[in-house]
Amino acid sequence: MKRLALLCALLVWCWAASCGGGKTVQGPGPDGRLEVRVHWHDQGVADKRLEVLGLGMEQRTDADGRAAFSVPAGSHTLRAYEINGPGPILPFQDLPFTSAPGDTTRIDIVDCLPCAGAR
């Protein structure tokens, strides 16, 4: 009788351990979305090079100055190339952002078109 009780207890323990205590194990959640707009006032700036560092993702803005990326959740850096602004010309701007699963992060970049002509 003791053997049967011990065997039943062992089976219950194995069953509970295999079920993870009622918790389900899931893989990584869905990616987040990054939407970028490069513009001067209301005018989109086309063909600006954008890169999400460390992920090997690169795009150029469309005719409306927009680009979109699907990025894993976490902290990242968007690098925008040849963005004009006051002061010295910089080859790029690094913009940190955080992405959450299923959420959309928006980055608005002002590209001073008159500043480019003043140099």
PDB file of N, CA and C in Angstrom:
ATOM      1  N   MET A   1       0.812  -1.189   0.000  1.00  0.00           N
ATOM      2  CA  MET A   1       0.000   0.000   0.000  1.00  0.00           C
ATOM      3  C   MET A   1       0.862   1.262   0.000  1.00  0.00           C
ATOM      4  N   LYS A   2       1.967   1.230   0.753  1.00  0.00           N
ATOM      5  CA  LYS A   2       2.853   2.385   0.780  1.00  0.00           C
ATOM      6  C   LYS A   2       3.463   2.617  -0.595  1.00  0.00           C
ATOM      7  N   ARG A   3       3.751   1.503  -1.295  1.00  0.00           N
ATOM      8  CA  ARG A   3       4.333   1.620  -2.624  1.00  0.00           C
ATOM      9  C   ARG A   3       3.365   2.291  -3.590  1.00  0.00           C
ATOM     10  N   LEU A   4       2.117   1.922  -3.506  1.00  0.00           N
ATOM     11  CA  LEU A   4       1.108   2.497  -4.386  1.00  0.00           C
ATOM     12  C   LEU A   4       0.949   3.997  -4.102  1.00  0.00           C
ATOM     13  N   ALA A   5       0.934   4.382  -2.843  1.00  0.00           N
ATOM     14  CA  ALA A   5       0.819   5.792  -2.474  1.00  0.00           C
ATOM     15  C   ALA A   5       2.038   6.576  -2.965  1.00  0.00           C
ATOM     16  N   LEU A   6       3.230   5.989  -2.837  1.00  0.00           N
ATOM     17  CA  LEU A   6       4.446   6.628  -3.289  1.00  0.00           C
ATOM     18  C   LEU A   6       4.434   6.779  -4.808  1.00  0.00           C
ATOM     19  N   LEU A   7       3.983   5.756  -5.515  1.00  0.00           N
ATOM     20  CA  LEU A   7       3.904   5.795  -6.971  1.00  0.00           C
ATOM     21  C   LEU A   7       2.913   6.866  -7.428  1.00  0.00           C
ATOM     22  N   CYS A   8       1.758   6.958  -6.768  1.00  0.00           N
ATOM     23  CA  CYS A   8       0.756   7.982  -7.110  1.00  0.00           C
ATOM     24  C   CYS A   8       1.310   9.378  -6.863  1.00  0.00           C
ATOM     25  N   ALA A   9       1.990   9.563  -5.736  1.00  0.00           N
ATOM     26  CA  ALA A   9       2.576  10.864  -5.429  1.00  0.00           C
ATOM     27  C   ALA A   9       3.628  11.246  -6.474  1.00  0.00           C
ATOM     28  N   LEU A  10       4.434  10.294  -6.879  1.00  0.00           N
ATOM     29  CA  LEU A  10       5.460  10.538  -7.886  1.00  0.00           C
ATOM     30  C   LEU A  10       4.831  10.911  -9.233  1.00  0.00           C
ATOM     31  N   LEU A  11       3.749  10.215  -9.616  1.00  0.00           N
ATOM     32  CA  LEU A  11       3.072  10.533 -10.871  1.00  0.00           C
ATOM     33  C   LEU A  11       2.450  11.927 -10.846  1.00  0.00           C
ATOM     34  N   VAL A  12       1.842  12.299  -9.732  1.00  0.00           N
ATOM     35  CA  VAL A  12       1.247  13.637  -9.603  1.00  0.00           C
ATOM     36  C   VAL A  12       2.336  14.703  -9.690  1.00  0.00           C
ATOM     37  N   TRP A  13       3.454  14.465  -9.021  1.00  0.00           N
ATOM     38  CA  TRP A  13       4.561  15.421  -9.056  1.00  0.00           C
ATOM     39  C   TRP A  13       5.103  15.580 -10.480  1.00  0.00           C
ATOM     40  N   CYS A  14       5.299  14.468 -11.201  1.00  0.00           N
ATOM     41  CA  CYS A  14       5.784  14.518 -12.583  1.00  0.00           C
ATOM     42  C   CYS A  14       4.793  15.256 -13.479  1.00  0.00           C
ATOM     43  N   TRP A  15       3.508  15.008 -13.300  1.00  0.00           N
ATOM     44  CA  TRP A  15       2.498  15.677 -14.093  1.00  0.00           C
ATOM     45  C   TRP A  15       2.521  17.186 -13.838  1.00  0.00           C
ATOM     46  N   ALA A  16       2.595  17.578 -12.573  1.00  0.00           N
ATOM     47  CA  ALA A  16       2.617  19.002 -12.233  1.00  0.00           C
ATOM     48  C   ALA A  16       3.878  19.671 -12.772  1.00  0.00           C
ATOM     49  N   ALA A  17       5.007  19.001 -12.685  1.00  0.00           N
ATOM     50  CA  ALA A  17       6.265  19.573 -13.181  1.00  0.00           C
ATOM     51  C   ALA A  17       6.227  19.722 -14.696  1.00  0.00           C
ATOM     52  N   SER A  18       5.616  18.782 -15.386  1.00  0.00           N
ATOM     53  CA  SER A  18       5.567  18.863 -16.849  1.00  0.00           C
ATOM     54  C   SER A  18       4.613  19.938 -17.330  1.00  0.00           C
ATOM     55  N   CYS A  19       3.666  20.321 -16.515  1.00  0.00           N
ATOM     56  CA  CYS A  19       2.705  21.361 -16.902  1.00  0.00           C
ATOM     57  C   CYS A  19       3.232  22.752 -16.606  1.00  0.00           C
ATOM     58  N   GLY A  20       4.383  22.857 -15.979  1.00  0.00           N
ATOM     59  CA  GLY A  20       4.946  24.175 -15.682  1.00  0.00           C
ATOM     60  C   GLY A  20       4.180  24.910 -14.612  1.00  0.00           C
ATOM     61  N   GLY A  21       3.488  24.200 -13.773  1.00  0.00           N
ATOM     62  CA  GLY A  21       2.753  24.861 -12.691  1.00  0.00           C
ATOM     63  C   GLY A  21       1.600  25.702 -13.198  1.00  0.00           C
ATOM     64  N   GLY A  22       1.062  25.367 -14.365  1.00  0.00           N
ATOM     65  CA  GLY A  22      -0.071  26.112 -14.909  1.00  0.00           C
ATOM     66  C   GLY A  22       0.349  27.307 -15.750  1.00  0.00           C
ATOM     67  N   LYS A  23       1.645  27.567 -15.876  1.00  0.00           N
ATOM     68  CA  LYS A  23       2.114  28.693 -16.676  1.00  0.00           C
ATOM     69  C   LYS A  23       2.401  28.205 -18.093  1.00  0.00           C
ATOM     70  N   THR A  24       2.072  29.037 -19.068  1.00  0.00           N
ATOM     71  CA  THR A  24       2.389  28.690 -20.443  1.00  0.00           C
ATOM     72  C   THR A  24       3.666  29.411 -20.841  1.00  0.00           C
ATOM     73  N   VAL A  25       4.494  28.726 -21.557  1.00  0.00           N
ATOM     74  CA  VAL A  25       5.739  29.306 -22.023  1.00  0.00           C
ATOM     75  C   VAL A  25       5.529  29.755 -23.456  1.00  0.00           C
ATOM     76  N   GLN A  26       5.813  31.030 -23.710  1.00  0.00           N
ATOM     77  CA  GLN A  26       5.626  31.565 -25.046  1.00  0.00           C
ATOM     78  C   GLN A  26       6.962  32.026 -25.592  1.00  0.00           C
ATOM     79  N   GLY A  27       7.058  32.033 -26.894  1.00  0.00           N
ATOM     80  CA  GLY A  27       8.245  32.563 -27.567  1.00  0.00           C
ATOM     81  C   GLY A  27       8.236  34.078 -27.499  1.00  0.00           C
ATOM     82  N   PRO A  28       9.179  34.699 -28.180  1.00  0.00           N
ATOM     83  CA  PRO A  28       9.221  36.159 -28.184  1.00  0.00           C
ATOM     84  C   PRO A  28       7.917  36.748 -28.701  1.00  0.00           C
ATOM     85  N   GLY A  29       7.537  37.876 -28.149  1.00  0.00           N
ATOM     86  CA  GLY A  29       6.309  38.536 -28.565  1.00  0.00           C
ATOM     87  C   GLY A  29       6.459  39.137 -29.949  1.00  0.00           C
ATOM     88  N   PRO A  30       5.384  39.699 -30.461  1.00  0.00           N
ATOM     89  CA  PRO A  30       5.457  40.298 -31.791  1.00  0.00           C
ATOM     90  C   PRO A  30       6.384  41.511 -31.787  1.00  0.00           C
ATOM     91  N   ASP A  31       6.876  41.818 -32.953  1.00  0.00           N
ATOM     92  CA  ASP A  31       7.747  42.982 -33.081  1.00  0.00           C
ATOM     93  C   ASP A  31       6.958  44.259 -32.873  1.00  0.00           C
ATOM     94  N   GLY A  32       7.682  45.320 -32.637  1.00  0.00           N
ATOM     95  CA  GLY A  32       7.108  46.652 -32.613  1.00  0.00           C
ATOM     96  C   GLY A  32       7.300  47.284 -33.987  1.00  0.00           C
ATOM     97  N   ARG A  33       6.725  48.429 -34.168  1.00  0.00           N
ATOM     98  CA  ARG A  33       6.827  49.131 -35.452  1.00  0.00           C
ATOM     99  C   ARG A  33       7.439  50.501 -35.206  1.00  0.00           C
ATOM    100  N   LEU A  34       8.368  50.874 -36.069  1.00  0.00           N
ATOM    101  CA  LEU A  34       8.972  52.206 -36.032  1.00  0.00           C
ATOM    102  C   LEU A  34       8.552  52.928 -37.297  1.00  0.00           C
ATOM    103  N   GLU A  35       7.925  54.093 -37.124  1.00  0.00           N
ATOM    104  CA  GLU A  35       7.542  54.935 -38.260  1.00  0.00           C
ATOM    105  C   GLU A  35       8.333  56.229 -38.162  1.00  0.00           C
ATOM    106  N   VAL A  36       8.999  56.578 -39.258  1.00  0.00           N
ATOM    107  CA  VAL A  36       9.852  57.766 -39.300  1.00  0.00           C
ATOM    108  C   VAL A  36       9.327  58.702 -40.374  1.00  0.00           C
ATOM    109  N   ARG A  37       9.351  59.996 -40.078  1.00  0.00           N
ATOM    110  CA  ARG A  37       9.006  61.007 -41.089  1.00  0.00           C
ATOM    111  C   ARG A  37      10.082  62.070 -41.056  1.00  0.00           C
ATOM    112  N   VAL A  38      10.696  62.309 -42.214  1.00  0.00           N
ATOM    113  CA  VAL A  38      11.674  63.381 -42.378  1.00  0.00           C
ATOM    114  C   VAL A  38      10.982  64.480 -43.176  1.00  0.00           C
ATOM    115  N   HIS A  39      11.022  65.719 -42.656  1.00  0.00           N
ATOM    116  CA  HIS A  39      10.280  66.806 -43.308  1.00  0.00           C
ATOM    117  C   HIS A  39      10.897  68.161 -43.011  1.00  0.00           C
ATOM    118  N   TRP A  40      10.500  69.133 -43.817  1.00  0.00           N
ATOM    119  CA  TRP A  40      10.749  70.541 -43.543  1.00  0.00           C
ATOM    120  C   TRP A  40       9.380  71.191 -43.582  1.00  0.00           C
ATOM    121  N   HIS A  41       8.917  71.680 -42.450  1.00  0.00           N
ATOM    122  CA  HIS A  41       7.545  72.159 -42.252  1.00  0.00           C
ATOM    123  C   HIS A  41       6.596  71.033 -42.661  1.00  0.00           C
ATOM    124  N   ASP A  42       5.709  71.256 -43.608  1.00  0.00           N
ATOM    125  CA  ASP A  42       4.754  70.214 -44.006  1.00  0.00           C
ATOM    126  C   ASP A  42       5.223  69.402 -45.211  1.00  0.00           C
ATOM    127  N   GLN A  43       6.392  69.720 -45.731  1.00  0.00           N
ATOM    128  CA  GLN A  43       6.907  69.055 -46.930  1.00  0.00           C
ATOM    129  C   GLN A  43       7.794  67.872 -46.553  1.00  0.00           C
ATOM    130  N   GLY A  44       7.416  66.659 -46.982  1.00  0.00           N
ATOM    131  CA  GLY A  44       8.243  65.484 -46.749  1.00  0.00           C
ATOM    132  C   GLY A  44       9.523  65.560 -47.571  1.00  0.00           C
ATOM    133  N   VAL A  45      10.597  65.025 -47.030  1.00  0.00           N
ATOM    134  CA  VAL A  45      11.882  65.026 -47.731  1.00  0.00           C
ATOM    135  C   VAL A  45      12.183  63.586 -48.156  1.00  0.00           C
ATOM    136  N   ALA A  46      12.222  63.375 -49.465  1.00  0.00           N
ATOM    137  CA  ALA A  46      12.431  62.041 -50.025  1.00  0.00           C
ATOM    138  C   ALA A  46      13.909  61.664 -50.053  1.00  0.00           C
ATOM    139  N   ASP A  47      14.150  60.369 -50.121  1.00  0.00           N
ATOM    140  CA  ASP A  47      15.462  59.769 -50.360  1.00  0.00           C
ATOM    141  C   ASP A  47      16.481  60.027 -49.248  1.00  0.00           C
ATOM    142  N   LYS A  48      16.022  60.178 -48.019  1.00  0.00           N
ATOM    143  CA  LYS A  48      16.943  60.288 -46.877  1.00  0.00           C
ATOM    144  C   LYS A  48      17.231  58.879 -46.365  1.00  0.00           C
ATOM    145  N   ARG A  49      18.482  58.602 -46.128  1.00  0.00           N
ATOM    146  CA  ARG A  49      18.914  57.274 -45.683  1.00  0.00           C
ATOM    147  C   ARG A  49      18.722  57.131 -44.182  1.00  0.00           C
ATOM    148  N   LEU A  50      18.052  56.057 -43.766  1.00  0.00           N
ATOM    149  CA  LEU A  50      17.782  55.753 -42.361  1.00  0.00           C
ATOM    150  C   LEU A  50      18.270  54.343 -42.066  1.00  0.00           C
ATOM    151  N   GLU A  51      18.836  54.155 -40.879  1.00  0.00           N
ATOM    152  CA  GLU A  51      19.358  52.842 -40.498  1.00  0.00           C
ATOM    153  C   GLU A  51      19.051  52.575 -39.026  1.00  0.00           C
ATOM    154  N   VAL A  52      18.590  51.363 -38.717  1.00  0.00           N
ATOM    155  CA  VAL A  52      18.441  50.944 -37.326  1.00  0.00           C
ATOM    156  C   VAL A  52      19.731  50.201 -36.983  1.00  0.00           C
ATOM    157  N   LEU A  53      20.559  50.833 -36.144  1.00  0.00           N
ATOM    158  CA  LEU A  53      21.876  50.292 -35.842  1.00  0.00           C
ATOM    159  C   LEU A  53      21.783  48.935 -35.150  1.00  0.00           C
ATOM    160  N   GLY A  54      22.683  48.055 -35.505  1.00  0.00           N
ATOM    161  CA  GLY A  54      22.765  46.743 -34.876  1.00  0.00           C
ATOM    162  C   GLY A  54      21.789  45.711 -35.397  1.00  0.00           C
ATOM    163  N   LEU A  55      20.841  46.131 -36.236  1.00  0.00           N
ATOM    164  CA  LEU A  55      19.846  45.192 -36.758  1.00  0.00           C
ATOM    165  C   LEU A  55      19.983  44.968 -38.259  1.00  0.00           C
ATOM    166  N   GLY A  56      20.877  45.714 -38.899  1.00  0.00           N
ATOM    167  CA  GLY A  56      21.064  45.558 -40.336  1.00  0.00           C
ATOM    168  C   GLY A  56      19.867  46.010 -41.152  1.00  0.00           C
ATOM    169  N   MET A  57      19.088  46.937 -40.625  1.00  0.00           N
ATOM    170  CA  MET A  57      17.907  47.435 -41.340  1.00  0.00           C
ATOM    171  C   MET A  57      18.207  48.833 -41.870  1.00  0.00           C
ATOM    172  N   GLU A  58      17.965  49.033 -43.149  1.00  0.00           N
ATOM    173  CA  GLU A  58      18.200  50.329 -43.764  1.00  0.00           C
ATOM    174  C   GLU A  58      17.132  50.592 -44.815  1.00  0.00           C
ATOM    175  N   GLN A  59      16.688  51.846 -44.873  1.00  0.00           N
ATOM    176  CA  GLN A  59      15.693  52.260 -45.861  1.00  0.00           C
ATOM    177  C   GLN A  59      15.955  53.703 -46.243  1.00  0.00           C
ATOM    178  N   ARG A  60      15.342  54.100 -47.333  1.00  0.00           N
ATOM    179  CA  ARG A  60      15.321  55.511 -47.743  1.00  0.00           C
ATOM    180  C   ARG A  60      13.879  55.979 -47.667  1.00  0.00           C
ATOM    181  N   THR A  61      13.702  57.247 -47.343  1.00  0.00           N
ATOM    182  CA  THR A  61      12.341  57.780 -47.221  1.00  0.00           C
ATOM    183  C   THR A  61      11.674  57.838 -48.589  1.00  0.00           C
ATOM    184  N   ASP A  62      10.352  57.702 -48.572  1.00  0.00           N
ATOM    185  CA  ASP A  62       9.574  57.772 -49.805  1.00  0.00           C
ATOM    186  C   ASP A  62       9.324  59.239 -50.171  1.00  0.00           C
ATOM    187  N   ALA A  63       8.477  59.466 -51.165  1.00  0.00           N
ATOM    188  CA  ALA A  63       8.208  60.821 -51.652  1.00  0.00           C
ATOM    189  C   ALA A  63       7.609  61.721 -50.576  1.00  0.00           C
ATOM    190  N   ASP A  64       6.949  61.134 -49.578  1.00  0.00           N
ATOM    191  CA  ASP A  64       6.356  61.917 -48.489  1.00  0.00           C
ATOM    192  C   ASP A  64       7.298  62.007 -47.286  1.00  0.00           C
ATOM    193  N   GLY A  65       8.515  61.492 -47.427  1.00  0.00           N
ATOM    194  CA  GLY A  65       9.488  61.551 -46.337  1.00  0.00           C
ATOM    195  C   GLY A  65       9.295  60.487 -45.279  1.00  0.00           C
ATOM    196  N   ARG A  66       8.589  59.412 -45.621  1.00  0.00           N
ATOM    197  CA  ARG A  66       8.263  58.373 -44.641  1.00  0.00           C
ATOM    198  C   ARG A  66       9.026  57.072 -44.887  1.00  0.00           C
ATOM    199  N   ALA A  67       9.261  56.356 -43.792  1.00  0.00           N
ATOM    200  CA  ALA A  67       9.821  55.004 -43.833  1.00  0.00           C
ATOM    201  C   ALA A  67       9.316  54.269 -42.598  1.00  0.00           C
ATOM    202  N   ALA A  68       9.189  52.951 -42.701  1.00  0.00           N
ATOM    203  CA  ALA A  68       8.701  52.153 -41.571  1.00  0.00           C
ATOM    204  C   ALA A  68       9.556  50.901 -41.442  1.00  0.00           C
ATOM    205  N   PHE A  69       9.766  50.500 -40.186  1.00  0.00           N
ATOM    206  CA  PHE A  69      10.560  49.321 -39.869  1.00  0.00           C
ATOM    207  C   PHE A  69       9.784  48.447 -38.892  1.00  0.00           C
ATOM    208  N   SER A  70       9.953  47.141 -38.975  1.00  0.00           N
ATOM    209  CA  SER A  70       9.465  46.206 -37.974  1.00  0.00           C
ATOM    210  C   SER A  70      10.677  45.827 -37.124  1.00  0.00           C
ATOM    211  N   VAL A  71      10.648  46.199 -35.844  1.00  0.00           N
ATOM    212  CA  VAL A  71      11.826  46.013 -34.987  1.00  0.00           C
ATOM    213  C   VAL A  71      11.462  45.187 -33.747  1.00  0.00           C
ATOM    214  N   PRO A  72      12.412  44.389 -33.256  1.00  0.00           N
ATOM    215  CA  PRO A  72      12.135  43.630 -32.036  1.00  0.00           C
ATOM    216  C   PRO A  72      12.000  44.575 -30.838  1.00  0.00           C
ATOM    217  N   ALA A  73      11.297  44.127 -29.836  1.00  0.00           N
ATOM    218  CA  ALA A  73      11.125  44.928 -28.627  1.00  0.00           C
ATOM    219  C   ALA A  73      12.484  45.192 -27.998  1.00  0.00           C
ATOM    220  N   GLY A  74      12.652  46.400 -27.473  1.00  0.00           N
ATOM    221  CA  GLY A  74      13.899  46.751 -26.804  1.00  0.00           C
ATOM    222  C   GLY A  74      14.338  48.160 -27.135  1.00  0.00           C
ATOM    223  N   SER A  75      15.545  48.493 -26.701  1.00  0.00           N
ATOM    224  CA  SER A  75      16.131  49.816 -26.950  1.00  0.00           C
ATOM    225  C   SER A  75      17.011  49.747 -28.189  1.00  0.00           C
ATOM    226  N   HIS A  76      16.835  50.715 -29.066  1.00  0.00           N
ATOM    227  CA  HIS A  76      17.554  50.746 -30.334  1.00  0.00           C
ATOM    228  C   HIS A  76      17.994  52.175 -30.636  1.00  0.00           C
ATOM    229  N   THR A  77      18.740  52.320 -31.739  1.00  0.00           N
ATOM    230  CA  THR A  77      19.160  53.631 -32.213  1.00  0.00           C
ATOM    231  C   THR A  77      18.873  53.732 -33.698  1.00  0.00           C
ATOM    232  N   LEU A  78      18.169  54.803 -34.071  1.00  0.00           N
ATOM    233  CA  LEU A  78      17.942  55.118 -35.474  1.00  0.00           C
ATOM    234  C   LEU A  78      19.026  56.107 -35.884  1.00  0.00           C
ATOM    235  N   ARG A  79      19.715  55.809 -36.982  1.00  0.00           N
ATOM    236  CA  ARG A  79      20.708  56.746 -37.526  1.00  0.00           C
ATOM    237  C   ARG A  79      20.114  57.344 -38.797  1.00  0.00           C
ATOM    238  N   ALA A  80      20.042  58.679 -38.816  1.00  0.00           N
ATOM    239  CA  ALA A  80      19.537  59.410 -39.979  1.00  0.00           C
ATOM    240  C   ALA A  80      20.723  60.156 -40.600  1.00  0.00           C
ATOM    241  N   TYR A  81      20.948  59.930 -41.883  1.00  0.00           N
ATOM    242  CA  TYR A  81      22.106  60.497 -42.569  1.00  0.00           C
ATOM    243  C   TYR A  81      21.761  61.801 -43.284  1.00  0.00           C
ATOM    244  N   GLU A  82      22.734  62.727 -43.286  1.00  0.00           N
ATOM    245  CA  GLU A  82      22.657  63.989 -44.032  1.00  0.00           C
ATOM    246  C   GLU A  82      21.398  64.794 -43.710  1.00  0.00           C
ATOM    247  N   ILE A  83      21.144  64.965 -42.431  1.00  0.00           N
ATOM    248  CA  ILE A  83      20.026  65.802 -41.979  1.00  0.00           C
ATOM    249  C   ILE A  83      20.591  67.194 -41.702  1.00  0.00           C
ATOM    250  N   ASN A  84      19.988  68.194 -42.321  1.00  0.00           N
ATOM    251  CA  ASN A  84      20.466  69.573 -42.186  1.00  0.00           C
ATOM    252  C   ASN A  84      19.854  70.242 -40.969  1.00  0.00           C
ATOM    253  N   GLY A  85      20.656  71.023 -40.322  1.00  0.00           N
ATOM    254  CA  GLY A  85      20.192  71.786 -39.172  1.00  0.00           C
ATOM    255  C   GLY A  85      21.124  72.968 -38.963  1.00  0.00           C
ATOM    256  N   PRO A  86      20.828  73.785 -37.984  1.00  0.00           N
ATOM    257  CA  PRO A  86      21.739  74.887 -37.705  1.00  0.00           C
ATOM    258  C   PRO A  86      23.058  74.349 -37.149  1.00  0.00           C
ATOM    259  N   GLY A  87      24.128  75.080 -37.356  1.00  0.00           N
ATOM    260  CA  GLY A  87      25.424  74.648 -36.831  1.00  0.00           C
ATOM    261  C   GLY A  87      26.209  73.871 -37.871  1.00  0.00           C
ATOM    262  N   PRO A  88      27.255  73.208 -37.413  1.00  0.00           N
ATOM    263  CA  PRO A  88      28.119  72.490 -38.355  1.00  0.00           C
ATOM    264  C   PRO A  88      27.389  71.306 -39.005  1.00  0.00           C
ATOM    265  N   ILE A  89      27.820  70.991 -40.215  1.00  0.00           N
ATOM    266  CA  ILE A  89      27.229  69.858 -40.938  1.00  0.00           C
ATOM    267  C   ILE A  89      27.683  68.569 -40.268  1.00  0.00           C
ATOM    268  N   LEU A  90      26.732  67.724 -39.926  1.00  0.00           N
ATOM    269  CA  LEU A  90      27.026  66.422 -39.336  1.00  0.00           C
ATOM    270  C   LEU A  90      26.712  65.336 -40.349  1.00  0.00           C
ATOM    271  N   PRO A  91      27.540  64.299 -40.436  1.00  0.00           N
ATOM    272  CA  PRO A  91      27.256  63.239 -41.406  1.00  0.00           C
ATOM    273  C   PRO A  91      26.009  62.420 -41.045  1.00  0.00           C
ATOM    274  N   PHE A  92      25.652  62.404 -39.745  1.00  0.00           N
ATOM    275  CA  PHE A  92      24.466  61.650 -39.328  1.00  0.00           C
ATOM    276  C   PHE A  92      24.014  62.129 -37.955  1.00  0.00           C
ATOM    277  N   GLN A  93      22.772  61.766 -37.627  1.00  0.00           N
ATOM    278  CA  GLN A  93      22.212  61.989 -36.286  1.00  0.00           C
ATOM    279  C   GLN A  93      21.788  60.629 -35.737  1.00  0.00           C
ATOM    280  N   ASP A  94      22.133  60.351 -34.484  1.00  0.00           N
ATOM    281  CA  ASP A  94      21.683  59.128 -33.820  1.00  0.00           C
ATOM    282  C   ASP A  94      20.535  59.471 -32.888  1.00  0.00           C
ATOM    283  N   LEU A  95      19.437  58.761 -33.047  1.00  0.00           N
ATOM    284  CA  LEU A  95      18.224  59.011 -32.270  1.00  0.00           C
ATOM    285  C   LEU A  95      17.822  57.733 -31.546  1.00  0.00           C
ATOM    286  N   PRO A  96      17.991  57.690 -30.214  1.00  0.00           N
ATOM    287  CA  PRO A  96      17.590  56.490 -29.470  1.00  0.00           C
ATOM    288  C   PRO A  96      16.069  56.378 -29.390  1.00  0.00           C
ATOM    289  N   PHE A  97      15.588  55.125 -29.378  1.00  0.00           N
ATOM    290  CA  PHE A  97      14.157  54.889 -29.201  1.00  0.00           C
ATOM    291  C   PHE A  97      13.960  53.520 -28.564  1.00  0.00           C
ATOM    292  N   THR A  98      12.780  53.334 -27.998  1.00  0.00           N
ATOM    293  CA  THR A  98      12.418  52.059 -27.383  1.00  0.00           C
ATOM    294  C   THR A  98      11.182  51.532 -28.080  1.00  0.00           C
ATOM    295  N   SER A  99      11.226  50.245 -28.396  1.00  0.00           N
ATOM    296  CA  SER A  99      10.111  49.588 -29.072  1.00  0.00           C
ATOM    297  C   SER A  99       9.494  48.555 -28.137  1.00  0.00           C
ATOM    298  N   ALA A 100       8.176  48.492 -28.128  1.00  0.00           N
ATOM    299  CA  ALA A 100       7.451  47.505 -27.319  1.00  0.00           C
ATOM    300  C   ALA A 100       6.661  46.602 -28.256  1.00  0.00           C
ATOM    301  N   PRO A 101       6.469  45.345 -27.871  1.00  0.00           N
ATOM    302  CA  PRO A 101       5.732  44.414 -28.734  1.00  0.00           C
ATOM    303  C   PRO A 101       4.348  44.948 -29.098  1.00  0.00           C
ATOM    304  N   GLY A 102       4.055  44.977 -30.383  1.00  0.00           N
ATOM    305  CA  GLY A 102       2.736  45.394 -30.850  1.00  0.00           C
ATOM    306  C   GLY A 102       2.495  46.893 -30.859  1.00  0.00           C
ATOM    307  N   ASP A 103       3.446  47.695 -30.378  1.00  0.00           N
ATOM    308  CA  ASP A 103       3.275  49.156 -30.341  1.00  0.00           C
ATOM    309  C   ASP A 103       3.977  49.824 -31.512  1.00  0.00           C
ATOM    310  N   THR A 104       3.559  51.041 -31.828  1.00  0.00           N
ATOM    311  CA  THR A 104       4.188  51.833 -32.876  1.00  0.00           C
ATOM    312  C   THR A 104       4.909  53.013 -32.237  1.00  0.00           C
ATOM    313  N   THR A 105       6.181  53.156 -32.578  1.00  0.00           N
ATOM    314  CA  THR A 105       6.987  54.295 -32.132  1.00  0.00           C
ATOM    315  C   THR A 105       7.155  55.214 -33.332  1.00  0.00           C
ATOM    316  N   ARG A 106       6.939  56.507 -33.129  1.00  0.00           N
ATOM    317  CA  ARG A 106       7.065  57.473 -34.224  1.00  0.00           C
ATOM    318  C   ARG A 106       8.210  58.431 -33.936  1.00  0.00           C
ATOM    319  N   ILE A 107       9.043  58.637 -34.948  1.00  0.00           N
ATOM    320  CA  ILE A 107      10.142  59.603 -34.843  1.00  0.00           C
ATOM    321  C   ILE A 107       9.953  60.614 -35.950  1.00  0.00           C
ATOM    322  N   ASP A 108       9.966  61.888 -35.567  1.00  0.00           N
ATOM    323  CA  ASP A 108       9.782  63.014 -36.468  1.00  0.00           C
ATOM    324  C   ASP A 108      11.131  63.720 -36.593  1.00  0.00           C
ATOM    325  N   ILE A 109      11.667  63.842 -37.802  1.00  0.00           N
ATOM    326  CA  ILE A 109      12.975  64.462 -38.013  1.00  0.00           C
ATOM    327  C   ILE A 109      12.793  65.685 -38.896  1.00  0.00           C
ATOM    328  N   VAL A 110      13.232  66.836 -38.393  1.00  0.00           N
ATOM    329  CA  VAL A 110      13.158  68.075 -39.153  1.00  0.00           C
ATOM    330  C   VAL A 110      14.464  68.239 -39.924  1.00  0.00           C
ATOM    331  N   ASP A 111      14.347  68.344 -41.239  1.00  0.00           N
ATOM    332  CA  ASP A 111      15.498  68.529 -42.131  1.00  0.00           C
ATOM    333  C   ASP A 111      15.407  69.947 -42.686  1.00  0.00           C
ATOM    334  N   CYS A 112      16.248  70.821 -42.192  1.00  0.00           N
ATOM    335  CA  CYS A 112      16.202  72.242 -42.543  1.00  0.00           C
ATOM    336  C   CYS A 112      16.707  72.452 -43.973  1.00  0.00           C
ATOM    337  N   LEU A 113      15.792  72.500 -44.918  1.00  0.00           N
ATOM    338  CA  LEU A 113      16.178  72.664 -46.317  1.00  0.00           C
ATOM    339  C   LEU A 113      16.859  74.013 -46.582  1.00  0.00           C
ATOM    340  N   PRO A 114      16.399  75.149 -46.001  1.00  0.00           N
ATOM    341  CA  PRO A 114      17.114  76.401 -46.207  1.00  0.00           C
ATOM    342  C   PRO A 114      18.534  76.387 -45.619  1.00  0.00           C
ATOM    343  N   CYS A 115      18.731  75.595 -44.557  1.00  0.00           N
ATOM    344  CA  CYS A 115      20.061  75.517 -43.932  1.00  0.00           C
ATOM    345  C   CYS A 115      21.076  74.897 -44.890  1.00  0.00           C
ATOM    346  N   ALA A 116      20.619  73.958 -45.721  1.00  0.00           N
ATOM    347  CA  ALA A 116      21.528  73.298 -46.665  1.00  0.00           C
ATOM    348  C   ALA A 116      22.014  74.278 -47.724  1.00  0.00           C
ATOM    349  N   GLY A 117      21.144  75.184 -48.149  1.00  0.00           N
ATOM    350  CA  GLY A 117      21.515  76.167 -49.168  1.00  0.00           C
ATOM    351  C   GLY A 117      22.399  77.278 -48.633  1.00  0.00           C
ATOM    352  N   ALA A 118      22.394  77.483 -47.324  1.00  0.00           N
ATOM    353  CA  ALA A 118      23.172  78.570 -46.710  1.00  0.00           C
ATOM    354  C   ALA A 118      24.632  78.207 -46.540  1.00  0.00           C
ATOM    355  N   ARG A 119      25.008  76.985 -46.845  1.00  0.00           N
ATOM    356  CA  ARG A 119      26.408  76.557 -46.605  1.00  0.00           C
ATOM    357  C   ARG A 119      27.218  76.639 -47.842  1.00  0.00           C
TER     358      ARG A 119
END
